[in-house]
Amino acid sequence: MTRLTRREMLAATAACAVASPALATRAPSLGALAKAKGMRFGSCVAWSTPGADAGSFANPNYAALLERECGILVPENEFKWQRLRPDPVKFDVTRFTDMLDYAGAKGMAMRGHTLLWHKAQYFPKWLTGYDFGPNPRGKAEAVLTDHIRTLCRLYGDRITSYDVVNETIDEQTGLQRETSLSKAFGDADAMVDLAFHTAREHAPGAQLVYNDYMSWEPGNEKHRAGVLRLLEGFRKRGVPVDALGVQSHIGVYGGNPGAAAARQEAEWRRFLDAVVAMDYKLLITEFDVNDKDLPADPKVRDAAVAAYADAYLAIMFAYPQLRDVLVWGMCDKYGWLNGFSPRADGTVKRATPYDAQFRPKPLREVFARRFAAAAARPV
C-alpha cells in the first residue's frame, strides 16, 4: 500500500468524483451492484414526522437516497430498549413498525438492531434501577426472555437479521461488561447465551449476529481479543450465533491514511481469519469514516476518507463470508458523528457516501468499485 501525498489525494478526488446527483441516479445503484454479487448494500434510517429535516424515510430527500441506493435498512435507534420499552410492562413499537412498513413497501429488507445492547449507559432508566427481587437470576431471565420473545414473535420473518447482542465486551478490559442485568444473572455468559437461544427459538429463519465495534486501528487489541474469546465460547457451548457484525466506525486520525492502513492490515486480517475459521459469517453493520483530524479542505478530506475506506473495504470484501454491507447514514448532514465527535472547526463531518447537499462523493465510488470487483458470493 503506497503513501498518498496531498497531490495524489487531490488527484484521487478528481478521478473518483461524480459530477452531479443526476449522474449517480443514472449509474447503477449500490444496491444493484451488491445484488449482482449476491450481497446487499444498505443504511441505517431514523424515524421522524413527515417532512422533518432528518435522516428519515419521512424526509423526501433522504428517502430518495435510500430508495435509489439500498436493498436493506436498519433502524438507527427505534429498535433499541430505550425507545421500545417505556417501562417493564409496556412495549411501544409504533415508530419501528412505521419504518418496517416503509421498508417492505419499497422492497427493502430490514435488520433488527438490537435485542440486547449490553452497555449500561444505554439501558432504559427502569432497567438500570430494576428490583430483581429475591430470585434475581430467575427474574432477569424472565425480563430478557420476554423482551426477545415478544419482538421476534411480532416481526417473524419480516426481519432477516438480528443483532441479538451488541457491545457486551468492554474495550478496556476485553471482558464482558457488568450491568444491572448481568449482576442479576450472576453469569454474563449465561445471559448472552439465553439471548441467542431465545432468538433462535422465536425467529428460527433469521440470521443471529453478535455486533461490536472492535476496530482495526491500534489500541483495540484487548477489545478484539475479548471478542474472539466470546465467539470461541459460543462455539464451545453450542450457542446459535451465525455471524459477527463488524461495525466499522473507522477513522483517519492524522498522518497518512495509506500508511496507517498498511500498518493495520496484517493484524486485522489475523483477527478476521480467526473469526471465519470458527465458521462465522461477517457483516459490515455501521460503516462510516471519522475525519475529525483532517484539514478543512473538503477535497482533501474526501480523498483521504476514500483512500482509507478503500484500503479497509479491500480487506473486508476479500472474505466471501461477507454479504451485507451497511453504512451508518447516507448523507453527511445527518451523520451521528457531528454530535458525537465534532470537528474543532465546526464543519460537517464528511463521513458518509453523500455530502450535506445530497451530492455523491468519492466514498460512494469506492463502494461502487468494490462491489463491481467483488467475487460473486456462493448461494
Protein backbone atom coordinates (compact mmCIF):
# COMPACT_ATOMS: atom_id res chain seq x y z
CA MET A 1 0.00 0.00 0.00
CA THR A 2 1.56 3.29 -1.08
CA ARG A 3 1.88 6.56 0.77
CA LEU A 4 -0.50 9.23 -0.57
CA THR A 5 0.72 12.78 -0.90
CA ARG A 6 -1.67 15.73 -0.85
CA ARG A 7 -1.38 15.98 -4.64
CA GLU A 8 -2.21 12.31 -5.04
CA MET A 9 -5.22 12.65 -2.77
CA LEU A 10 -6.49 15.55 -4.83
CA ALA A 11 -5.98 13.52 -7.99
CA ALA A 12 -7.91 10.65 -6.43
CA THR A 13 -10.75 13.05 -5.67
CA ALA A 14 -10.89 14.21 -9.26
CA ALA A 15 -10.82 10.66 -10.56
CA CYS A 16 -13.48 9.36 -8.18
CA ALA A 17 -15.83 12.31 -8.05
CA VAL A 18 -19.27 12.04 -9.61
CA ALA A 19 -20.29 15.25 -11.35
CA SER A 20 -23.81 15.50 -10.01
CA PRO A 21 -26.60 13.71 -8.18
CA ALA A 22 -28.21 13.13 -11.56
CA LEU A 23 -25.15 11.20 -12.67
CA ALA A 24 -25.40 8.98 -9.59
CA THR A 25 -29.05 8.39 -10.40
CA ARG A 26 -28.17 7.17 -13.91
CA ALA A 27 -25.30 4.99 -12.69
CA PRO A 28 -26.08 1.54 -11.30
CA SER A 29 -27.19 1.84 -7.70
CA LEU A 30 -25.05 0.45 -4.91
CA GLY A 31 -27.89 -1.90 -4.10
CA ALA A 32 -27.94 -3.23 -7.66
CA LEU A 33 -24.17 -3.64 -7.78
CA ALA A 34 -24.26 -5.53 -4.49
CA LYS A 35 -27.18 -7.73 -5.52
CA ALA A 36 -25.34 -8.77 -8.69
CA LYS A 37 -22.69 -10.34 -6.46
CA GLY A 38 -25.05 -12.00 -4.01
CA MET A 39 -24.56 -9.18 -1.49
CA ARG A 40 -26.68 -6.38 -0.05
CA PHE A 41 -25.96 -2.69 0.49
CA GLY A 42 -27.92 -0.59 2.93
CA SER A 43 -28.03 2.08 5.59
CA CYS A 44 -29.43 2.99 8.94
CA VAL A 45 -32.56 5.11 8.94
CA ALA A 46 -34.25 7.23 11.57
CA TRP A 47 -37.89 7.89 12.38
CA SER A 48 -39.30 11.41 12.18
CA THR A 49 -42.52 13.24 11.49
CA PRO A 50 -43.25 13.67 7.76
CA GLY A 51 -41.12 16.29 6.06
CA ALA A 52 -38.77 16.77 9.02
CA ASP A 53 -35.17 17.66 8.27
CA ALA A 54 -33.72 14.35 9.44
CA GLY A 55 -32.08 11.19 8.18
CA SER A 56 -35.51 9.65 8.00
CA PHE A 57 -37.68 7.88 5.46
CA ALA A 58 -40.20 10.66 6.15
CA ASN A 59 -37.75 13.19 4.71
CA PRO A 60 -38.33 13.06 0.93
CA ASN A 61 -34.71 13.88 0.05
CA TYR A 62 -33.31 11.25 2.35
CA ALA A 63 -35.94 8.71 1.33
CA ALA A 64 -34.91 9.24 -2.29
CA LEU A 65 -31.34 8.27 -1.41
CA LEU A 66 -32.47 5.16 0.44
CA GLU A 67 -34.79 4.06 -2.34
CA ARG A 68 -32.19 4.64 -5.05
CA GLU A 69 -29.24 3.00 -3.34
CA CYS A 70 -30.31 0.50 -0.69
CA GLY A 71 -31.55 -3.05 -0.55
CA ILE A 72 -31.56 -3.34 3.24
CA LEU A 73 -32.17 -0.94 6.14
CA VAL A 74 -31.54 -0.93 9.87
CA PRO A 75 -33.19 1.33 12.46
CA GLU A 76 -30.72 3.80 13.90
CA ASN A 77 -32.41 3.89 17.30
CA GLU A 78 -36.04 2.79 17.14
CA PHE A 79 -35.45 -0.90 17.87
CA LYS A 80 -33.37 -0.30 20.99
CA TRP A 81 -34.65 -0.91 24.51
CA GLN A 82 -34.72 2.77 25.45
CA ARG A 83 -37.08 3.51 22.53
CA LEU A 84 -39.24 0.37 22.72
CA ARG A 85 -39.63 -0.10 26.48
CA PRO A 86 -41.05 2.89 28.38
CA ASP A 87 -41.46 0.67 31.45
CA PRO A 88 -41.07 -3.00 32.48
CA VAL A 89 -44.51 -3.95 31.16
CA LYS A 90 -45.19 -1.95 28.01
CA PHE A 91 -43.79 -2.14 24.50
CA ASP A 92 -44.13 0.85 22.18
CA VAL A 93 -43.35 -0.41 18.67
CA THR A 94 -45.31 2.19 16.67
CA ARG A 95 -42.28 4.02 15.28
CA PHE A 96 -40.37 0.89 14.39
CA THR A 97 -43.45 -0.61 12.75
CA ASP A 98 -43.72 2.53 10.59
CA MET A 99 -40.12 2.00 9.50
CA LEU A 100 -40.65 -1.68 8.79
CA ASP A 101 -43.78 -0.97 6.76
CA TYR A 102 -41.88 1.62 4.73
CA ALA A 103 -39.04 -0.83 4.01
CA GLY A 104 -41.50 -3.52 2.97
CA ALA A 105 -43.40 -1.16 0.68
CA LYS A 106 -40.15 -0.20 -1.05
CA GLY A 107 -38.87 -3.75 -1.41
CA MET A 108 -36.08 -3.38 1.16
CA ALA A 109 -35.13 -5.93 3.81
CA MET A 110 -34.77 -4.91 7.46
CA ARG A 111 -32.25 -5.74 10.18
CA GLY A 112 -33.16 -5.72 13.88
CA HIS A 113 -30.72 -3.63 15.93
CA THR A 114 -30.57 -4.65 18.74
CA LEU A 115 -32.26 -7.18 21.02
CA LEU A 116 -29.76 -6.55 23.82
CA TRP A 117 -27.41 -3.58 23.85
CA HIS A 118 -25.36 -4.64 26.84
CA LYS A 119 -24.00 -1.26 27.83
CA ALA A 120 -25.44 0.28 31.00
CA GLN A 121 -25.43 3.88 29.72
CA TYR A 122 -27.90 2.87 27.02
CA PHE A 123 -30.28 0.92 29.25
CA PRO A 124 -33.68 2.49 29.91
CA LYS A 125 -33.71 4.03 33.38
CA TRP A 126 -36.16 1.49 34.71
CA LEU A 127 -33.81 -1.40 33.84
CA THR A 128 -30.82 0.23 35.50
CA GLY A 129 -32.72 0.54 38.77
CA TYR A 130 -34.86 -2.57 38.44
CA ASP A 131 -35.65 -4.61 41.57
CA PHE A 132 -34.98 -8.22 40.59
CA GLY A 133 -36.40 -9.45 43.89
CA PRO A 134 -35.43 -12.50 45.98
CA ASN A 135 -34.64 -14.64 42.90
CA PRO A 136 -32.66 -12.18 40.77
CA ARG A 137 -31.48 -14.68 38.17
CA GLY A 138 -34.94 -16.05 37.56
CA LYS A 139 -36.38 -12.56 37.23
CA ALA A 140 -33.56 -11.43 34.94
CA GLU A 141 -34.13 -14.46 32.71
CA ALA A 142 -37.84 -13.61 32.55
CA VAL A 143 -37.20 -9.95 31.65
CA LEU A 144 -34.73 -10.78 28.89
CA THR A 145 -36.72 -13.70 27.50
CA ASP A 146 -39.95 -11.69 27.42
CA HIS A 147 -38.28 -8.83 25.54
CA ILE A 148 -36.72 -11.01 22.84
CA ARG A 149 -39.67 -13.39 22.52
CA THR A 150 -42.14 -10.52 22.14
CA LEU A 151 -40.20 -8.79 19.37
CA CYS A 152 -39.35 -11.96 17.46
CA ARG A 153 -42.96 -13.11 17.56
CA LEU A 154 -44.20 -9.72 16.45
CA TYR A 155 -41.98 -9.48 13.40
CA GLY A 156 -41.30 -13.09 12.47
CA ASP A 157 -39.68 -13.33 9.07
CA ARG A 158 -40.12 -9.60 8.37
CA ILE A 159 -36.68 -9.10 9.94
CA THR A 160 -33.98 -11.04 8.13
CA SER A 161 -31.12 -10.50 10.57
CA TYR A 162 -30.89 -9.55 14.25
CA ASP A 163 -28.04 -8.02 16.22
CA VAL A 164 -29.03 -10.20 19.14
CA VAL A 165 -26.32 -8.88 21.46
CA ASN A 166 -24.47 -5.61 20.90
CA GLU A 167 -21.24 -4.45 22.54
CA THR A 168 -21.08 -6.74 25.56
CA ILE A 169 -17.25 -6.69 25.52
CA ASP A 170 -15.58 -3.85 27.43
CA GLU A 171 -12.97 -2.32 25.14
CA GLN A 172 -10.63 -1.54 28.05
CA THR A 173 -10.56 -4.98 29.67
CA GLY A 174 -11.65 -7.40 26.97
CA LEU A 175 -14.17 -8.85 29.44
CA GLN A 176 -17.96 -8.71 29.40
CA ARG A 177 -19.43 -5.56 30.86
CA GLU A 178 -21.13 -5.51 34.24
CA THR A 179 -24.67 -4.09 34.33
CA SER A 180 -27.76 -4.44 36.44
CA LEU A 181 -28.83 -7.29 34.17
CA SER A 182 -25.57 -9.22 34.22
CA LYS A 183 -25.33 -8.80 38.02
CA ALA A 184 -28.79 -10.30 38.39
CA PHE A 185 -27.81 -13.24 36.19
CA GLY A 186 -24.58 -13.70 38.13
CA ASP A 187 -23.06 -15.07 34.92
CA ALA A 188 -22.66 -12.90 31.81
CA ASP A 189 -22.12 -15.95 29.58
CA ALA A 190 -25.47 -17.36 30.68
CA MET A 191 -27.11 -14.02 29.89
CA VAL A 192 -25.83 -13.72 26.31
CA ASP A 193 -26.37 -17.44 25.67
CA LEU A 194 -30.01 -17.10 26.71
CA ALA A 195 -30.44 -14.13 24.38
CA PHE A 196 -29.30 -16.14 21.35
CA HIS A 197 -31.19 -19.32 22.27
CA THR A 198 -34.39 -17.31 22.75
CA ALA A 199 -33.94 -15.52 19.44
CA ARG A 200 -33.35 -18.80 17.62
CA GLU A 201 -36.46 -20.34 19.16
CA HIS A 202 -38.73 -17.47 18.15
CA ALA A 203 -37.04 -16.31 14.92
CA PRO A 204 -35.78 -19.62 13.50
CA GLY A 205 -35.26 -18.27 9.99
CA ALA A 206 -33.33 -15.13 10.90
CA GLN A 207 -29.59 -14.61 10.92
CA LEU A 208 -28.38 -14.16 14.50
CA VAL A 209 -25.46 -11.76 14.92
CA TYR A 210 -23.09 -10.66 17.65
CA ASN A 211 -22.29 -6.99 16.89
CA ASP A 212 -19.37 -4.91 18.20
CA TYR A 213 -17.04 -2.04 17.27
CA MET A 214 -13.64 -3.71 17.78
CA SER A 215 -11.78 -1.55 15.30
CA TRP A 216 -8.79 -2.31 13.11
CA GLU A 217 -6.96 0.74 14.45
CA PRO A 218 -4.13 0.39 17.02
CA GLY A 219 -5.22 0.44 20.66
CA ASN A 220 -8.08 -2.02 20.14
CA GLU A 221 -6.09 -5.20 20.75
CA LYS A 222 -7.80 -6.07 24.05
CA HIS A 223 -11.19 -5.46 22.52
CA ARG A 224 -10.50 -7.76 19.57
CA ALA A 225 -9.09 -10.46 21.85
CA GLY A 226 -12.16 -10.25 24.06
CA VAL A 227 -14.49 -10.61 21.09
CA LEU A 228 -12.57 -13.66 19.90
CA ARG A 229 -12.89 -15.25 23.35
CA LEU A 230 -16.61 -14.57 23.32
CA LEU A 231 -17.01 -16.12 19.87
CA GLU A 232 -14.93 -19.15 20.90
CA GLY A 233 -17.13 -19.58 23.96
CA PHE A 234 -20.27 -19.53 21.82
CA ARG A 235 -18.93 -22.36 19.68
CA LYS A 236 -17.82 -24.44 22.67
CA ARG A 237 -21.21 -24.07 24.34
CA GLY A 238 -23.24 -24.67 21.18
CA VAL A 239 -24.82 -21.20 21.17
CA PRO A 240 -26.67 -20.43 17.89
CA VAL A 241 -24.64 -17.44 16.66
CA ASP A 242 -24.39 -17.15 12.88
CA ALA A 243 -22.24 -14.11 12.28
CA LEU A 244 -20.06 -11.32 13.61
CA GLY A 245 -21.25 -7.80 12.92
CA VAL A 246 -18.21 -5.61 12.35
CA GLN A 247 -19.49 -2.10 12.97
CA SER A 248 -16.65 -0.46 11.02
CA HIS A 249 -16.69 3.00 12.57
CA ILE A 250 -13.20 3.69 11.25
CA GLY A 251 -11.34 7.00 11.22
CA VAL A 252 -8.42 8.92 9.78
CA TYR A 253 -6.80 10.30 12.92
CA GLY A 254 -3.86 12.20 11.49
CA GLY A 255 -0.88 11.23 9.39
CA ASN A 256 -1.13 9.46 6.08
CA PRO A 257 -4.20 7.25 5.52
CA GLY A 258 -2.42 4.83 3.21
CA ALA A 259 0.45 4.27 5.60
CA ALA A 260 -1.91 3.88 8.55
CA ALA A 261 -3.96 1.30 6.68
CA ALA A 262 -0.84 -0.63 5.70
CA ARG A 263 0.29 -0.81 9.34
CA GLN A 264 -3.07 -2.19 10.44
CA GLU A 265 -3.74 -4.68 7.66
CA ALA A 266 -1.84 -7.73 8.91
CA GLU A 267 -3.27 -7.61 12.43
CA TRP A 268 -6.79 -7.04 11.11
CA ARG A 269 -6.54 -9.98 8.74
CA ARG A 270 -5.40 -12.21 11.61
CA PHE A 271 -8.49 -11.21 13.55
CA LEU A 272 -10.87 -11.83 10.64
CA ASP A 273 -9.16 -15.12 9.78
CA ALA A 274 -9.74 -16.31 13.35
CA VAL A 275 -13.42 -15.34 13.15
CA VAL A 276 -14.17 -17.12 9.87
CA ALA A 277 -12.12 -20.16 10.96
CA MET A 278 -14.81 -20.65 13.61
CA ASP A 279 -17.40 -20.75 10.80
CA TYR A 280 -18.89 -17.30 11.42
CA LYS A 281 -20.24 -15.13 8.63
CA LEU A 282 -19.31 -11.43 8.51
CA LEU A 283 -21.35 -8.27 8.17
CA ILE A 284 -20.35 -4.62 7.95
CA THR A 285 -23.12 -3.16 10.06
CA GLU A 286 -22.37 0.53 10.76
CA PHE A 287 -19.74 1.89 8.36
CA ASP A 288 -18.51 5.47 8.41
CA VAL A 289 -15.16 7.28 8.40
CA ASN A 290 -14.33 9.84 11.08
CA ASP A 291 -12.41 12.76 9.53
CA LYS A 292 -12.01 14.69 12.78
CA ASP A 293 -8.28 15.41 12.40
CA LEU A 294 -8.15 16.04 8.65
CA PRO A 295 -7.68 19.51 7.10
CA ALA A 296 -10.73 21.68 6.47
CA ASP A 297 -10.44 21.48 2.66
CA PRO A 298 -13.31 19.19 1.64
CA LYS A 299 -11.48 17.85 -1.40
CA VAL A 300 -8.52 16.80 0.70
CA ARG A 301 -10.82 15.28 3.30
CA ASP A 302 -12.88 13.39 0.72
CA ALA A 303 -9.78 11.96 -0.91
CA ALA A 304 -8.28 10.85 2.39
CA VAL A 305 -11.56 9.31 3.54
CA ALA A 306 -11.94 7.50 0.21
CA ALA A 307 -8.38 6.17 0.25
CA TYR A 308 -8.64 4.94 3.82
CA ALA A 309 -12.06 3.38 3.24
CA ASP A 310 -10.85 1.69 0.08
CA ALA A 311 -7.95 0.05 1.90
CA TYR A 312 -10.30 -1.19 4.61
CA LEU A 313 -13.02 -2.39 2.25
CA ALA A 314 -10.49 -4.18 0.05
CA ILE A 315 -9.72 -6.41 3.01
CA MET A 316 -13.31 -6.90 4.09
CA PHE A 317 -14.62 -7.64 0.58
CA ALA A 318 -11.94 -10.30 0.09
CA TYR A 319 -13.80 -12.53 2.56
CA PRO A 320 -16.59 -14.48 0.84
CA GLN A 321 -18.29 -14.70 4.25
CA LEU A 322 -19.19 -11.00 3.89
CA ARG A 323 -22.57 -10.37 2.30
CA ASP A 324 -24.33 -7.43 3.98
CA VAL A 325 -22.67 -4.02 3.95
CA LEU A 326 -24.46 -1.16 5.72
CA VAL A 327 -23.35 2.41 6.26
CA TRP A 328 -24.34 4.38 9.35
CA GLY A 329 -26.09 7.05 7.32
CA MET A 330 -26.17 8.05 3.67
CA CYS A 331 -25.81 11.83 3.97
CA ASP A 332 -23.25 13.89 5.92
CA LYS A 333 -25.90 16.36 7.06
CA TYR A 334 -27.49 13.78 9.38
CA GLY A 335 -24.39 11.87 10.47
CA TRP A 336 -24.28 10.94 14.15
CA LEU A 337 -20.58 11.83 14.32
CA ASN A 338 -21.39 15.53 14.01
CA GLY A 339 -22.68 15.42 17.58
CA PHE A 340 -20.72 12.50 19.00
CA SER A 341 -17.26 13.54 17.80
CA PRO A 342 -17.44 17.06 16.33
CA ARG A 343 -14.64 18.72 14.40
CA ALA A 344 -12.85 21.61 16.09
CA ASP A 345 -13.58 23.87 13.11
CA GLY A 346 -17.31 23.20 13.40
CA THR A 347 -17.67 21.91 9.84
CA VAL A 348 -19.89 18.96 9.00
CA LYS A 349 -18.11 15.62 9.02
CA ARG A 350 -17.67 14.08 5.58
CA ALA A 351 -18.13 10.52 6.80
CA THR A 352 -20.83 9.10 4.50
CA PRO A 353 -21.32 8.46 0.76
CA TYR A 354 -23.22 11.73 0.11
CA ASP A 355 -22.46 15.26 1.23
CA ALA A 356 -24.80 17.61 3.09
CA GLN A 357 -26.30 18.76 -0.23
CA PHE A 358 -27.08 15.13 -1.21
CA ARG A 359 -24.28 15.05 -3.79
CA PRO A 360 -22.33 11.78 -4.24
CA LYS A 361 -18.74 11.83 -3.03
CA PRO A 362 -15.62 9.74 -3.76
CA LEU A 363 -16.63 7.42 -0.91
CA ARG A 364 -19.69 6.38 -2.88
CA GLU A 365 -17.49 5.48 -5.82
CA VAL A 366 -15.26 3.41 -3.57
CA PHE A 367 -18.29 1.29 -2.66
CA ALA A 368 -19.35 1.07 -6.29
CA ARG A 369 -15.93 -0.13 -7.41
CA ARG A 370 -15.59 -2.60 -4.58
CA PHE A 371 -18.98 -4.18 -5.30
CA ALA A 372 -18.22 -4.30 -9.03
CA ALA A 373 -14.88 -6.02 -8.37
CA ALA A 374 -16.14 -8.40 -5.69
CA ALA A 375 -16.28 -12.12 -6.28
CA ALA A 376 -19.81 -13.47 -6.52
CA ARG A 377 -20.92 -14.91 -3.18
CA PRO A 378 -21.87 -18.60 -3.11
CA VAL A 379 -25.57 -19.34 -2.99
